[in-house]
Amino acid sequence: MKSFTLLFIFVISINANSQISDFKNISLVKADNIATLNEGENLYNLPLLTHKLTIKLMTDVEKFRAIYTWICNNIKGDFTMHTKVRKQRKKLKKDSTTYLKWNKNYNKKMFKSLLKHQKTMCTGYAYLVKEMAKIANIECEIIDGYGKNISSNVDTLEMANHSWNAVRLNNKWYLCDATWSSGYIDEKGKFINDYNDGYFLTDPILFSKKHFPLKKKWLLTEKITSKNFTSAPLLYGEAYKYKIIPKNPTTMDFIATQNEEINFSFKTLKDIKSSKVALIFFNGNEEKNYKIYDLKKDKSNISFTNKFNKKGFYNVHLKLNNEIVITYNVKVIKP
């Protein structure tokens, strides 16, 4: 993805409670429908496209939603471009000046591809969100930093690898990630459009589990440190779909003793049935369930207990509604 530094010259006011629930009384259905009606439009006249998406909408959140939804469903991720940037970042990780110079030149190719083929990487997604929001008179900024996913599980903060956006609505800042909302690259390198609404105006605590900005003010919360971020459990897109915030264990890698009772707990901002909770592992290609007990649900919190009776290394996954949401690595030792 990329490292691209912006100079912010405005005064900001940050509210840690900024999230989609602030707009629960505003329907976004009309905005989504307008985005669908304009599917297939090109980017050669951005003001005209923005006008089509926003002219019939009354509020800024609806206008921004139409822009965001359209981008996520009409712009494709470019695996070749992403791979080239990732390799160059790895090659020049000890020479950030040279990398930034190379990246600046490569961005010109990226913008041409975005315009002509409507394919890009995170830089292009974030740029397009900002530019279209600006045309709609909505304040929006590109945020650069570190993103964690299955192919880039950041364990040290060396060189920024991702970009997303902050948008100002009703005098408050909100976070969103159009790149990861749009879909994913499959094992064959093909982009699969699979819109994930969980990255739109996300709860800042949940957002910070996979995003750490170069400028910490864009965390919108004081509770997250770089150490918390790098050591945190690995969350998948499904965790954002179900709005899952892990509480315990607090790290992806941890040590336990044989037959030690381990409490797993998480907060969910959506209603999840406790019967749909499972802890699994893979034996080859075969999926198996661990026996869990003391399964409890208290309002928005769900917890259960598990223990490992043999020493060794365990790669375990929290599963909700038959979808994996969180991964942990457990080293089990003798008491």
Protein backbone atom coordinates (compact mmCIF):
# COMPACT_ATOMS: atom_id res chain seq x y z
CA MET A 1 0.00 0.00 0.00
CA LYS A 2 1.89 3.14 0.89
CA SER A 3 3.59 5.83 2.93
CA PHE A 4 2.43 9.32 1.97
CA THR A 5 2.73 12.25 4.39
CA LEU A 6 0.31 15.15 4.53
CA LEU A 7 0.72 18.41 6.42
CA PHE A 8 -2.37 19.24 8.43
CA ILE A 9 -2.84 22.98 8.92
CA PHE A 10 -6.21 23.11 10.58
CA VAL A 11 -7.49 23.01 14.13
CA ILE A 12 -9.31 19.81 15.06
CA SER A 13 -11.65 18.81 17.83
CA ILE A 14 -11.76 15.10 18.58
CA ASN A 15 -14.50 13.09 20.23
CA ALA A 16 -13.71 9.51 21.29
CA ASN A 17 -17.37 8.48 20.97
CA SER A 18 -17.57 9.21 17.24
CA GLN A 19 -19.19 6.27 15.41
CA ILE A 20 -22.02 5.21 13.14
CA SER A 21 -24.46 4.95 16.07
CA ASP A 22 -24.49 8.76 16.20
CA PHE A 23 -26.64 8.61 13.07
CA LYS A 24 -29.01 5.82 14.05
CA ASN A 25 -31.99 8.13 13.45
CA ILE A 26 -30.95 8.85 9.86
CA SER A 27 -31.70 6.25 7.19
CA LEU A 28 -28.86 5.60 4.77
CA VAL A 29 -30.97 3.46 2.42
CA LYS A 30 -31.61 6.29 -0.05
CA ALA A 31 -27.89 7.06 -0.22
CA ASP A 32 -27.08 3.40 -0.91
CA ASN A 33 -29.77 3.20 -3.58
CA ILE A 34 -28.42 6.28 -5.35
CA ALA A 35 -24.92 4.75 -5.31
CA THR A 36 -26.35 1.59 -6.89
CA LEU A 37 -28.22 3.57 -9.57
CA ASN A 38 -24.94 5.19 -10.60
CA GLU A 39 -23.02 1.93 -10.79
CA GLY A 40 -20.59 1.82 -13.70
CA GLU A 41 -20.07 5.59 -13.98
CA ASN A 42 -16.50 6.66 -14.80
CA LEU A 43 -14.17 9.09 -13.02
CA TYR A 44 -13.42 11.49 -15.90
CA ASN A 45 -15.83 14.12 -14.58
CA LEU A 46 -15.58 13.84 -10.80
CA PRO A 47 -17.71 16.93 -10.01
CA LEU A 48 -20.54 15.60 -12.19
CA LEU A 49 -20.38 12.15 -10.59
CA THR A 50 -20.36 13.68 -7.11
CA HIS A 51 -23.33 15.87 -8.06
CA LYS A 52 -25.30 12.81 -9.23
CA LEU A 53 -24.55 11.00 -5.98
CA THR A 54 -25.41 13.84 -3.60
CA ILE A 55 -27.90 16.27 -5.16
CA LYS A 56 -31.02 14.50 -3.83
CA LEU A 57 -29.65 13.98 -0.31
CA MET A 58 -30.22 16.41 2.57
CA THR A 59 -27.58 15.63 5.21
CA ASP A 60 -23.80 15.43 5.02
CA VAL A 61 -23.75 11.90 6.42
CA GLU A 62 -26.08 10.74 3.61
CA LYS A 63 -23.97 12.50 0.99
CA PHE A 64 -20.77 11.02 2.35
CA ARG A 65 -22.40 7.59 2.54
CA ALA A 66 -23.39 7.72 -1.16
CA ILE A 67 -19.84 8.72 -2.13
CA TYR A 68 -18.26 6.06 0.08
CA THR A 69 -20.59 3.26 -1.02
CA TRP A 70 -20.13 4.12 -4.69
CA ILE A 71 -16.33 4.07 -4.39
CA CYS A 72 -16.30 0.77 -2.48
CA ASN A 73 -18.49 -0.93 -5.09
CA ASN A 74 -17.02 0.56 -8.27
CA ILE A 75 -13.27 0.74 -7.62
CA LYS A 76 -11.28 -2.50 -7.65
CA GLY A 77 -8.20 -3.36 -5.64
CA ASP A 78 -5.08 -3.81 -7.79
CA PHE A 79 -3.09 -6.82 -6.56
CA THR A 80 -0.18 -6.25 -8.96
CA MET A 81 0.23 -2.67 -7.82
CA HIS A 82 -0.07 -3.61 -4.16
CA THR A 83 2.53 -6.39 -4.53
CA LYS A 84 5.01 -4.09 -6.28
CA VAL A 85 4.74 -1.45 -3.56
CA ARG A 86 5.03 -4.05 -0.80
CA LYS A 87 8.20 -5.52 -2.34
CA GLN A 88 9.75 -2.08 -2.76
CA ARG A 89 8.85 -1.15 0.82
CA LYS A 90 10.54 -4.32 2.07
CA LYS A 91 13.60 -3.73 -0.11
CA LEU A 92 14.05 -0.14 1.06
CA LYS A 93 12.86 -0.51 4.68
CA LYS A 94 16.24 0.80 5.91
CA ASP A 95 16.24 3.71 3.46
CA SER A 96 12.94 5.55 3.92
CA THR A 97 14.11 8.62 1.97
CA THR A 98 14.73 6.59 -1.19
CA TYR A 99 11.47 4.71 -0.71
CA LEU A 100 9.43 7.91 -0.34
CA LYS A 101 11.00 9.31 -3.49
CA TRP A 102 10.21 6.10 -5.41
CA ASN A 103 6.70 6.02 -3.98
CA LYS A 104 6.00 9.61 -5.01
CA ASN A 105 6.88 8.80 -8.61
CA TYR A 106 4.93 5.54 -8.53
CA ASN A 107 1.83 7.36 -7.27
CA LYS A 108 1.62 9.10 -10.66
CA LYS A 109 1.16 5.68 -12.33
CA MET A 110 -1.32 4.72 -9.63
CA PHE A 111 -3.53 7.77 -10.29
CA LYS A 112 -3.49 7.11 -14.06
CA SER A 113 -4.62 3.53 -13.44
CA LEU A 114 -7.33 4.75 -11.08
CA LEU A 115 -8.69 7.15 -13.68
CA LYS A 116 -8.46 4.83 -16.69
CA HIS A 117 -9.15 1.39 -15.22
CA GLN A 118 -10.80 2.25 -11.88
CA LYS A 119 -8.27 -0.01 -10.15
CA THR A 120 -6.03 1.11 -7.32
CA MET A 121 -4.58 0.41 -3.87
CA CYS A 122 -5.27 2.11 -0.55
CA THR A 123 -3.68 5.40 -1.62
CA GLY A 124 -6.14 5.72 -4.48
CA TYR A 125 -9.15 4.76 -2.40
CA ALA A 126 -8.30 7.32 0.29
CA TYR A 127 -7.53 10.02 -2.29
CA LEU A 128 -10.82 9.48 -4.12
CA VAL A 129 -12.86 9.55 -0.89
CA LYS A 130 -11.22 12.83 0.10
CA GLU A 131 -11.59 14.51 -3.31
CA MET A 132 -15.25 13.60 -3.78
CA ALA A 133 -16.07 14.62 -0.21
CA LYS A 134 -14.31 17.94 -0.83
CA ILE A 135 -16.44 18.52 -3.96
CA ALA A 136 -19.53 17.86 -1.81
CA ASN A 137 -18.23 20.47 0.68
CA ILE A 138 -17.50 17.82 3.35
CA GLU A 139 -14.22 18.08 5.26
CA CYS A 140 -12.23 14.88 4.84
CA GLU A 141 -8.55 13.95 5.28
CA ILE A 142 -6.24 11.10 4.27
CA ILE A 143 -4.72 9.29 7.24
CA ASP A 144 -1.45 7.40 6.79
CA GLY A 145 -0.25 4.69 9.11
CA TYR A 146 -0.09 0.97 9.76
CA GLY A 147 -2.73 -1.58 8.83
CA LYS A 148 -2.93 -5.12 10.21
CA ASN A 149 -4.40 -7.99 8.22
CA ILE A 150 -3.64 -11.62 7.45
CA SER A 151 -1.04 -10.72 4.81
CA SER A 152 0.51 -7.86 6.78
CA ASN A 153 0.33 -8.60 10.49
CA VAL A 154 2.38 -5.62 11.69
CA ASP A 155 4.55 -6.53 14.68
CA THR A 156 6.83 -3.49 14.55
CA LEU A 157 6.13 0.08 13.47
CA GLU A 158 8.85 0.63 10.89
CA MET A 159 7.37 1.94 7.63
CA ALA A 160 3.73 2.92 7.10
CA ASN A 161 1.82 0.49 4.88
CA HIS A 162 -1.77 1.71 4.71
CA SER A 163 -4.04 4.75 4.23
CA TRP A 164 -7.64 5.50 5.21
CA ASN A 165 -9.82 8.55 5.89
CA ALA A 166 -11.17 10.76 8.63
CA VAL A 167 -14.34 12.70 7.82
CA ARG A 168 -15.89 15.59 9.74
CA LEU A 169 -19.67 15.35 10.16
CA ASN A 170 -21.69 17.57 12.50
CA ASN A 171 -18.42 19.01 13.87
CA LYS A 172 -17.05 15.60 14.88
CA TRP A 173 -14.41 13.39 13.28
CA TYR A 174 -15.19 9.83 12.15
CA LEU A 175 -13.00 7.06 10.71
CA CYS A 176 -13.51 4.87 7.66
CA ASP A 177 -11.51 2.56 5.40
CA ALA A 178 -12.80 2.28 1.84
CA THR A 179 -10.01 -0.11 0.83
CA TRP A 180 -11.03 -2.82 3.27
CA SER A 181 -14.73 -2.04 2.86
CA SER A 182 -14.51 -2.74 -0.87
CA GLY A 183 -13.50 -6.39 -0.75
CA TYR A 184 -10.41 -8.58 -0.76
CA ILE A 185 -7.79 -10.28 -2.93
CA ASP A 186 -8.29 -14.05 -3.17
CA GLU A 187 -5.56 -16.71 -3.17
CA LYS A 188 -5.20 -16.37 -6.96
CA GLY A 189 -4.58 -12.62 -6.79
CA LYS A 190 -8.05 -11.74 -8.06
CA PHE A 191 -9.98 -8.89 -6.49
CA ILE A 192 -13.34 -9.95 -5.04
CA ASN A 193 -15.85 -7.15 -4.47
CA ASP A 194 -17.41 -7.92 -1.09
CA TYR A 195 -18.67 -4.74 0.58
CA ASN A 196 -18.09 -4.68 4.34
CA ASP A 197 -20.07 -1.94 6.10
CA GLY A 198 -18.11 -2.49 9.31
CA TYR A 199 -15.35 -0.10 8.21
CA PHE A 200 -17.75 2.84 7.75
CA LEU A 201 -17.75 5.37 10.64
CA THR A 202 -16.38 2.62 12.87
CA ASP A 203 -16.17 2.79 16.65
CA PRO A 204 -12.65 4.23 17.21
CA ILE A 205 -11.64 1.50 19.69
CA LEU A 206 -12.59 -1.22 17.20
CA PHE A 207 -11.02 0.70 14.31
CA SER A 208 -7.71 0.95 16.19
CA LYS A 209 -7.40 -2.83 16.40
CA LYS A 210 -6.36 -2.87 12.73
CA HIS A 211 -5.27 0.75 12.16
CA PHE A 212 -2.56 2.81 13.83
CA PRO A 213 -1.99 6.32 12.38
CA LEU A 214 1.34 8.10 12.08
CA LYS A 215 -0.30 11.00 13.90
CA LYS A 216 -1.82 9.60 17.08
CA LYS A 217 -4.52 12.28 17.27
CA TRP A 218 -6.29 10.33 14.52
CA LEU A 219 -6.84 7.40 16.87
CA LEU A 220 -9.74 9.45 18.31
CA THR A 221 -9.06 7.66 21.59
CA GLU A 222 -6.33 7.81 24.22
CA LYS A 223 -6.63 4.13 25.15
CA ILE A 224 -4.44 2.66 22.41
CA THR A 225 -0.63 2.67 22.34
CA SER A 226 1.71 1.36 19.66
CA LYS A 227 2.50 -1.61 21.89
CA ASN A 228 -1.20 -2.40 22.31
CA PHE A 229 -1.59 -2.26 18.54
CA THR A 230 1.32 -4.46 17.52
CA SER A 231 0.62 -7.16 20.12
CA ALA A 232 -3.17 -7.22 19.73
CA PRO A 233 -5.05 -10.31 18.45
CA LEU A 234 -5.46 -10.54 14.68
CA LEU A 235 -8.94 -9.42 13.63
CA TYR A 236 -10.53 -10.26 10.28
CA GLY A 237 -13.05 -8.27 8.30
CA GLU A 238 -15.83 -10.35 9.85
CA ALA A 239 -14.96 -8.85 13.24
CA TYR A 240 -15.94 -5.47 11.81
CA LYS A 241 -19.03 -6.92 10.21
CA TYR A 242 -20.19 -8.12 13.65
CA LYS A 243 -18.53 -5.17 15.47
CA ILE A 244 -16.43 -7.34 17.79
CA ILE A 245 -13.96 -5.77 20.23
CA PRO A 246 -11.69 -8.38 21.93
CA LYS A 247 -11.19 -7.90 25.66
CA ASN A 248 -9.33 -11.03 26.79
CA PRO A 249 -6.75 -12.33 25.99
CA THR A 250 -5.31 -8.92 25.21
CA THR A 251 -2.52 -10.18 22.95
CA MET A 252 -2.38 -12.43 19.91
CA ASP A 253 0.52 -14.48 21.31
CA PHE A 254 0.40 -15.60 24.92
CA ILE A 255 1.61 -18.37 27.22
CA ALA A 256 -0.55 -20.69 29.32
CA THR A 257 0.13 -23.74 31.45
CA GLN A 258 -1.40 -27.16 30.98
CA ASN A 259 -5.00 -27.33 32.26
CA GLU A 260 -4.98 -23.61 33.08
CA GLU A 261 -8.42 -22.09 32.65
CA ILE A 262 -8.25 -19.34 30.05
CA ASN A 263 -11.00 -16.76 29.83
CA PHE A 264 -11.93 -15.52 26.37
CA SER A 265 -14.15 -12.45 26.29
CA PHE A 266 -15.22 -9.81 23.84
CA LYS A 267 -17.62 -6.92 23.49
CA THR A 268 -20.03 -6.80 20.58
CA LEU A 269 -21.81 -3.71 19.33
CA LYS A 270 -24.32 -5.97 17.56
CA ASP A 271 -26.66 -8.56 18.99
CA ILE A 272 -24.93 -11.95 18.79
CA LYS A 273 -26.47 -15.20 20.00
CA SER A 274 -24.13 -16.98 22.43
CA SER A 275 -25.06 -20.29 20.77
CA LYS A 276 -23.23 -19.09 17.66
CA VAL A 277 -19.88 -18.76 19.48
CA ALA A 278 -17.14 -21.36 18.94
CA LEU A 279 -13.39 -21.77 19.43
CA ILE A 280 -11.82 -23.81 16.65
CA PHE A 281 -8.53 -25.10 15.26
CA PHE A 282 -7.45 -26.80 12.04
CA ASN A 283 -5.97 -30.28 11.80
CA GLY A 284 -4.69 -30.12 8.23
CA ASN A 285 -7.73 -28.99 6.26
CA GLU A 286 -10.13 -30.38 8.85
CA GLU A 287 -11.80 -27.93 11.18
CA LYS A 288 -12.32 -29.02 14.79
CA ASN A 289 -14.02 -27.43 17.78
CA TYR A 290 -12.56 -27.01 21.24
CA LYS A 291 -14.81 -27.80 24.15
CA ILE A 292 -15.72 -24.50 25.80
CA TYR A 293 -17.66 -23.94 29.00
CA ASP A 294 -19.01 -21.21 31.29
CA LEU A 295 -20.39 -19.47 28.20
CA LYS A 296 -22.01 -16.23 29.37
CA LYS A 297 -23.68 -13.27 27.74
CA ASP A 298 -24.22 -10.03 29.66
CA LYS A 299 -25.68 -7.21 27.57
CA SER A 300 -22.95 -6.51 25.01
CA ASN A 301 -20.32 -8.79 26.57
CA ILE A 302 -19.77 -12.48 25.81
CA SER A 303 -17.26 -14.74 27.57
CA PHE A 304 -16.32 -18.40 27.85
CA THR A 305 -13.56 -20.60 29.29
CA ASN A 306 -11.21 -23.10 27.69
CA LYS A 307 -8.12 -25.02 28.76
CA PHE A 308 -5.38 -26.98 26.97
CA ASN A 309 -4.37 -30.28 28.57
CA LYS A 310 -1.24 -30.86 26.47
CA LYS A 311 1.83 -28.70 26.02
CA GLY A 312 2.66 -27.32 22.60
CA PHE A 313 1.74 -24.49 20.22
CA TYR A 314 -1.90 -23.84 19.36
CA ASN A 315 -3.30 -21.63 16.61
CA VAL A 316 -6.91 -21.00 17.66
CA HIS A 317 -9.72 -18.99 16.13
CA LEU A 318 -12.82 -17.39 17.56
CA LYS A 319 -15.78 -18.11 15.33
CA LEU A 320 -19.18 -16.37 15.21
CA ASN A 321 -22.06 -17.46 12.97
CA ASN A 322 -19.67 -19.87 11.21
CA GLU A 323 -17.21 -17.08 10.35
CA ILE A 324 -13.72 -16.65 11.82
CA VAL A 325 -13.33 -13.24 13.48
CA ILE A 326 -10.18 -13.40 15.67
CA THR A 327 -6.98 -15.48 15.80
CA TYR A 328 -4.72 -16.24 18.78
CA ASN A 329 -1.45 -18.16 19.14
CA VAL A 330 -1.05 -20.01 22.44
CA LYS A 331 2.13 -21.59 23.77
CA VAL A 332 1.18 -24.18 26.41
CA ILE A 333 3.90 -25.18 28.88
CA LYS A 334 4.13 -27.47 31.89
CA PRO A 335 2.97 -25.99 35.21
